[in-house]
Amino acid sequence: MRLRVFIDCSVVEVFVDDRAVLSARVYPERPEAMGVELFAEGGAVRVEALEAWPMDDIWAV
């Protein structure tokens, strides 16, 4: 399974195998919302690769 995850301030989008997308609104002012976590329910998972890139602020001059 290939996941592409995009996080932008208060929106999280997850693209699954380029076939499905899940979107959610998050509230970053809450302490429990600070971070990213990978987990599996009902079994184990192995992460083969993980890449992350910071996004630039669109309001930066």
PDB file of N, CA and C in Angstrom:
ATOM      1  N   MET A   1       0.845  -1.154   0.000  1.00  0.00           N
ATOM      2  CA  MET A   1       0.000   0.000   0.000  1.00  0.00           C
ATOM      3  C   MET A   1       0.900   1.229   0.000  1.00  0.00           C
ATOM      4  N   ARG A   2       0.610   2.168  -0.859  1.00  0.00           N
ATOM      5  CA  ARG A   2       1.364   3.413  -0.927  1.00  0.00           C
ATOM      6  C   ARG A   2       0.480   4.550  -0.447  1.00  0.00           C
ATOM      7  N   LEU A   3       0.965   5.262   0.551  1.00  0.00           N
ATOM      8  CA  LEU A   3       0.240   6.412   1.085  1.00  0.00           C
ATOM      9  C   LEU A   3       1.011   7.683   0.776  1.00  0.00           C
ATOM     10  N   ARG A   4       0.313   8.683   0.306  1.00  0.00           N
ATOM     11  CA  ARG A   4       0.895  10.022   0.167  1.00  0.00           C
ATOM     12  C   ARG A   4       0.067  10.922   1.068  1.00  0.00           C
ATOM     13  N   VAL A   5       0.729  11.542   2.038  1.00  0.00           N
ATOM     14  CA  VAL A   5       0.040  12.334   3.049  1.00  0.00           C
ATOM     15  C   VAL A   5       0.467  13.789   2.915  1.00  0.00           C
ATOM     16  N   PHE A   6      -0.511  14.675   2.828  1.00  0.00           N
ATOM     17  CA  PHE A   6      -0.262  16.111   2.742  1.00  0.00           C
ATOM     18  C   PHE A   6      -0.902  16.779   3.953  1.00  0.00           C
ATOM     19  N   ILE A   7      -0.108  17.563   4.666  1.00  0.00           N
ATOM     20  CA  ILE A   7      -0.591  18.265   5.857  1.00  0.00           C
ATOM     21  C   ILE A   7      -0.345  19.745   5.641  1.00  0.00           C
ATOM     22  N   ASP A   8      -1.405  20.539   5.723  1.00  0.00           N
ATOM     23  CA  ASP A   8      -1.296  21.979   5.503  1.00  0.00           C
ATOM     24  C   ASP A   8      -2.136  22.696   6.552  1.00  0.00           C
ATOM     25  N   CYS A   9      -1.516  23.171   7.587  1.00  0.00           N
ATOM     26  CA  CYS A   9      -2.167  23.897   8.688  1.00  0.00           C
ATOM     27  C   CYS A   9      -3.295  23.088   9.299  1.00  0.00           C
ATOM     28  N   SER A  10      -4.515  23.193   8.787  1.00  0.00           N
ATOM     29  CA  SER A  10      -5.635  22.518   9.429  1.00  0.00           C
ATOM     30  C   SER A  10      -6.292  21.447   8.550  1.00  0.00           C
ATOM     31  N   VAL A  11      -5.625  21.029   7.486  1.00  0.00           N
ATOM     32  CA  VAL A  11      -6.176  20.003   6.601  1.00  0.00           C
ATOM     33  C   VAL A  11      -5.157  18.893   6.405  1.00  0.00           C
ATOM     34  N   VAL A  12      -5.627  17.636   6.498  1.00  0.00           N
ATOM     35  CA  VAL A  12      -4.793  16.470   6.222  1.00  0.00           C
ATOM     36  C   VAL A  12      -5.466  15.708   5.087  1.00  0.00           C
ATOM     37  N   GLU A  13      -4.707  15.401   4.029  1.00  0.00           N
ATOM     38  CA  GLU A  13      -5.208  14.598   2.920  1.00  0.00           C
ATOM     39  C   GLU A  13      -4.308  13.383   2.769  1.00  0.00           C
ATOM     40  N   VAL A  14      -4.921  12.210   2.624  1.00  0.00           N
ATOM     41  CA  VAL A  14      -4.183  10.966   2.459  1.00  0.00           C
ATOM     42  C   VAL A  14      -4.642  10.322   1.152  1.00  0.00           C
ATOM     43  N   PHE A  15      -3.710  10.130   0.240  1.00  0.00           N
ATOM     44  CA  PHE A  15      -3.992   9.453  -1.020  1.00  0.00           C
ATOM     45  C   PHE A  15      -3.507   8.022  -0.887  1.00  0.00           C
ATOM     46  N   VAL A  16      -4.392   7.056  -1.162  1.00  0.00           N
ATOM     47  CA  VAL A  16      -4.106   5.634  -0.986  1.00  0.00           C
ATOM     48  C   VAL A  16      -3.977   4.981  -2.347  1.00  0.00           C
ATOM     49  N   ASP A  17      -2.769   4.515  -2.669  1.00  0.00           N
ATOM     50  CA  ASP A  17      -2.505   3.824  -3.946  1.00  0.00           C
ATOM     51  C   ASP A  17      -3.007   4.599  -5.160  1.00  0.00           C
ATOM     52  N   ASP A  18      -3.028   5.905  -5.088  1.00  0.00           N
ATOM     53  CA  ASP A  18      -3.509   6.760  -6.187  1.00  0.00           C
ATOM     54  C   ASP A  18      -4.923   6.381  -6.644  1.00  0.00           C
ATOM     55  N   ARG A  19      -5.718   5.779  -5.747  1.00  0.00           N
ATOM     56  CA  ARG A  19      -7.074   5.362  -6.100  1.00  0.00           C
ATOM     57  C   ARG A  19      -8.141   5.962  -5.202  1.00  0.00           C
ATOM     58  N   ALA A  20      -7.765   6.301  -3.983  1.00  0.00           N
ATOM     59  CA  ALA A  20      -8.738   6.833  -3.034  1.00  0.00           C
ATOM     60  C   ALA A  20      -8.080   7.956  -2.248  1.00  0.00           C
ATOM     61  N   VAL A  21      -8.905   8.876  -1.786  1.00  0.00           N
ATOM     62  CA  VAL A  21      -8.384   9.978  -0.975  1.00  0.00           C
ATOM     63  C   VAL A  21      -9.257  10.149   0.261  1.00  0.00           C
ATOM     64  N   LEU A  22      -8.601  10.418   1.372  1.00  0.00           N
ATOM     65  CA  LEU A  22      -9.287  10.718   2.627  1.00  0.00           C
ATOM     66  C   LEU A  22      -8.851  12.106   3.056  1.00  0.00           C
ATOM     67  N   SER A  23      -9.795  12.934   3.439  1.00  0.00           N
ATOM     68  CA  SER A  23      -9.486  14.283   3.908  1.00  0.00           C
ATOM     69  C   SER A  23     -10.067  14.490   5.289  1.00  0.00           C
ATOM     70  N   ALA A  24      -9.355  15.252   6.102  1.00  0.00           N
ATOM     71  CA  ALA A  24      -9.840  15.532   7.453  1.00  0.00           C
ATOM     72  C   ALA A  24      -9.409  16.929   7.863  1.00  0.00           C
ATOM     73  N   ARG A  25     -10.221  17.542   8.656  1.00  0.00           N
ATOM     74  CA  ARG A  25      -9.893  18.829   9.255  1.00  0.00           C
ATOM     75  C   ARG A  25      -9.271  18.557  10.613  1.00  0.00           C
ATOM     76  N   VAL A  26      -8.165  19.207  10.914  1.00  0.00           N
ATOM     77  CA  VAL A  26      -7.505  19.035  12.210  1.00  0.00           C
ATOM     78  C   VAL A  26      -7.435  20.386  12.904  1.00  0.00           C
ATOM     79  N   TYR A  27      -7.211  20.333  14.185  1.00  0.00           N
ATOM     80  CA  TYR A  27      -7.177  21.559  14.989  1.00  0.00           C
ATOM     81  C   TYR A  27      -5.816  21.655  15.667  1.00  0.00           C
ATOM     82  N   PRO A  28      -4.840  22.286  14.998  1.00  0.00           N
ATOM     83  CA  PRO A  28      -3.464  22.276  15.490  1.00  0.00           C
ATOM     84  C   PRO A  28      -3.242  23.003  16.812  1.00  0.00           C
ATOM     85  N   GLU A  29      -4.205  23.762  17.300  1.00  0.00           N
ATOM     86  CA  GLU A  29      -4.011  24.429  18.591  1.00  0.00           C
ATOM     87  C   GLU A  29      -4.146  23.461  19.764  1.00  0.00           C
ATOM     88  N   ARG A  30      -4.677  22.282  19.526  1.00  0.00           N
ATOM     89  CA  ARG A  30      -4.785  21.268  20.579  1.00  0.00           C
ATOM     90  C   ARG A  30      -3.450  20.546  20.742  1.00  0.00           C
ATOM     91  N   PRO A  31      -3.006  20.307  21.972  1.00  0.00           N
ATOM     92  CA  PRO A  31      -1.707  19.648  22.191  1.00  0.00           C
ATOM     93  C   PRO A  31      -1.605  18.269  21.540  1.00  0.00           C
ATOM     94  N   GLU A  32      -2.683  17.497  21.518  1.00  0.00           N
ATOM     95  CA  GLU A  32      -2.634  16.153  20.933  1.00  0.00           C
ATOM     96  C   GLU A  32      -2.542  16.175  19.411  1.00  0.00           C
ATOM     97  N   ALA A  33      -2.681  17.333  18.796  1.00  0.00           N
ATOM     98  CA  ALA A  33      -2.632  17.444  17.336  1.00  0.00           C
ATOM     99  C   ALA A  33      -1.232  17.781  16.827  1.00  0.00           C
ATOM    100  N   MET A  34      -0.271  17.892  17.709  1.00  0.00           N
ATOM    101  CA  MET A  34       1.072  18.273  17.302  1.00  0.00           C
ATOM    102  C   MET A  34       1.921  17.036  17.041  1.00  0.00           C
ATOM    103  N   GLY A  35       1.941  16.574  15.811  1.00  0.00           N
ATOM    104  CA  GLY A  35       2.756  15.422  15.453  1.00  0.00           C
ATOM    105  C   GLY A  35       2.032  14.529  14.456  1.00  0.00           C
ATOM    106  N   VAL A  36       2.737  13.549  13.962  1.00  0.00           N
ATOM    107  CA  VAL A  36       2.188  12.581  13.009  1.00  0.00           C
ATOM    108  C   VAL A  36       2.488  11.197  13.557  1.00  0.00           C
ATOM    109  N   GLU A  37       1.526  10.308  13.467  1.00  0.00           N
ATOM    110  CA  GLU A  37       1.679   8.958  14.004  1.00  0.00           C
ATOM    111  C   GLU A  37       1.226   7.948  12.963  1.00  0.00           C
ATOM    112  N   LEU A  38       1.992   6.867  12.798  1.00  0.00           N
ATOM    113  CA  LEU A  38       1.598   5.753  11.935  1.00  0.00           C
ATOM    114  C   LEU A  38       1.245   4.574  12.818  1.00  0.00           C
ATOM    115  N   PHE A  39       0.127   3.924  12.523  1.00  0.00           N
ATOM    116  CA  PHE A  39      -0.261   2.748  13.304  1.00  0.00           C
ATOM    117  C   PHE A  39      -1.111   1.832  12.442  1.00  0.00           C
ATOM    118  N   ALA A  40      -1.257   0.604  12.883  1.00  0.00           N
ATOM    119  CA  ALA A  40      -2.091  -0.388  12.200  1.00  0.00           C
ATOM    120  C   ALA A  40      -3.019  -1.008  13.232  1.00  0.00           C
ATOM    121  N   GLU A  41      -4.250  -1.237  12.834  1.00  0.00           N
ATOM    122  CA  GLU A  41      -5.210  -1.912  13.710  1.00  0.00           C
ATOM    123  C   GLU A  41      -5.332  -3.362  13.284  1.00  0.00           C
ATOM    124  N   GLY A  42      -5.242  -4.271  14.243  1.00  0.00           N
ATOM    125  CA  GLY A  42      -5.439  -5.681  13.958  1.00  0.00           C
ATOM    126  C   GLY A  42      -4.234  -6.387  13.366  1.00  0.00           C
ATOM    127  N   GLY A  43      -3.062  -5.796  13.429  1.00  0.00           N
ATOM    128  CA  GLY A  43      -1.879  -6.457  12.888  1.00  0.00           C
ATOM    129  C   GLY A  43      -0.679  -5.534  12.911  1.00  0.00           C
ATOM    130  N   ALA A  44       0.388  -6.009  12.320  1.00  0.00           N
ATOM    131  CA  ALA A  44       1.632  -5.236  12.280  1.00  0.00           C
ATOM    132  C   ALA A  44       1.782  -4.571  10.911  1.00  0.00           C
ATOM    133  N   VAL A  45       2.628  -3.567  10.875  1.00  0.00           N
ATOM    134  CA  VAL A  45       2.919  -2.883   9.616  1.00  0.00           C
ATOM    135  C   VAL A  45       4.407  -2.573   9.574  1.00  0.00           C
ATOM    136  N   ARG A  46       4.965  -2.589   8.390  1.00  0.00           N
ATOM    137  CA  ARG A  46       6.372  -2.241   8.206  1.00  0.00           C
ATOM    138  C   ARG A  46       6.450  -1.062   7.240  1.00  0.00           C
ATOM    139  N   VAL A  47       7.096  -0.007   7.655  1.00  0.00           N
ATOM    140  CA  VAL A  47       7.290   1.172   6.805  1.00  0.00           C
ATOM    141  C   VAL A  47       8.588   0.970   6.048  1.00  0.00           C
ATOM    142  N   GLU A  48       8.507   0.885   4.728  1.00  0.00           N
ATOM    143  CA  GLU A  48       9.696   0.654   3.912  1.00  0.00           C
ATOM    144  C   GLU A  48      10.410   1.947   3.559  1.00  0.00           C
ATOM    145  N   ALA A  49       9.676   3.040   3.458  1.00  0.00           N
ATOM    146  CA  ALA A  49      10.294   4.323   3.121  1.00  0.00           C
ATOM    147  C   ALA A  49       9.412   5.436   3.654  1.00  0.00           C
ATOM    148  N   LEU A  50      10.062   6.522   4.046  1.00  0.00           N
ATOM    149  CA  LEU A  50       9.342   7.689   4.549  1.00  0.00           C
ATOM    150  C   LEU A  50      10.115   8.927   4.122  1.00  0.00           C
ATOM    151  N   GLU A  51       9.450   9.821   3.420  1.00  0.00           N
ATOM    152  CA  GLU A  51      10.063  11.076   2.998  1.00  0.00           C
ATOM    153  C   GLU A  51       9.171  12.215   3.462  1.00  0.00           C
ATOM    154  N   ALA A  52       9.788  13.305   3.876  1.00  0.00           N
ATOM    155  CA  ALA A  52       9.024  14.473   4.324  1.00  0.00           C
ATOM    156  C   ALA A  52       9.678  15.731   3.787  1.00  0.00           C
ATOM    157  N   TRP A  53       8.853  16.682   3.377  1.00  0.00           N
ATOM    158  CA  TRP A  53       9.330  17.966   2.884  1.00  0.00           C
ATOM    159  C   TRP A  53       8.551  19.064   3.579  1.00  0.00           C
ATOM    160  N   PRO A  54       9.225  20.107   4.039  1.00  0.00           N
ATOM    161  CA  PRO A  54       8.501  21.242   4.613  1.00  0.00           C
ATOM    162  C   PRO A  54       7.855  22.064   3.505  1.00  0.00           C
ATOM    163  N   MET A  55       6.734  22.656   3.837  1.00  0.00           N
ATOM    164  CA  MET A  55       6.058  23.540   2.883  1.00  0.00           C
ATOM    165  C   MET A  55       6.412  24.971   3.204  1.00  0.00           C
ATOM    166  N   ASP A  56       6.562  25.786   2.174  1.00  0.00           N
ATOM    167  CA  ASP A  56       6.820  27.202   2.384  1.00  0.00           C
ATOM    168  C   ASP A  56       5.516  27.912   2.694  1.00  0.00           C
ATOM    169  N   ASP A  57       5.621  28.996   3.426  1.00  0.00           N
ATOM    170  CA  ASP A  57       4.478  29.843   3.743  1.00  0.00           C
ATOM    171  C   ASP A  57       4.107  30.636   2.492  1.00  0.00           C
ATOM    172  N   ILE A  58       2.847  30.579   2.074  1.00  0.00           N
ATOM    173  CA  ILE A  58       2.446  31.318   0.865  1.00  0.00           C
ATOM    174  C   ILE A  58       2.472  32.814   1.080  1.00  0.00           C
ATOM    175  N   TRP A  59       2.489  33.245   2.321  1.00  0.00           N
ATOM    176  CA  TRP A  59       2.488  34.680   2.621  1.00  0.00           C
ATOM    177  C   TRP A  59       3.892  35.244   2.809  1.00  0.00           C
ATOM    178  N   ALA A  60       4.908  34.369   2.753  1.00  0.00           N
ATOM    179  CA  ALA A  60       6.287  34.841   2.907  1.00  0.00           C
ATOM    180  C   ALA A  60       6.680  35.688   1.695  1.00  0.00           C
ATOM    181  N   VAL A  61       7.404  36.709   1.955  1.00  0.00           N
ATOM    182  CA  VAL A  61       7.808  37.616   0.869  1.00  0.00           C
ATOM    183  C   VAL A  61       9.180  37.264   0.383  1.00  0.00           C
TER     184      VAL A  61
END
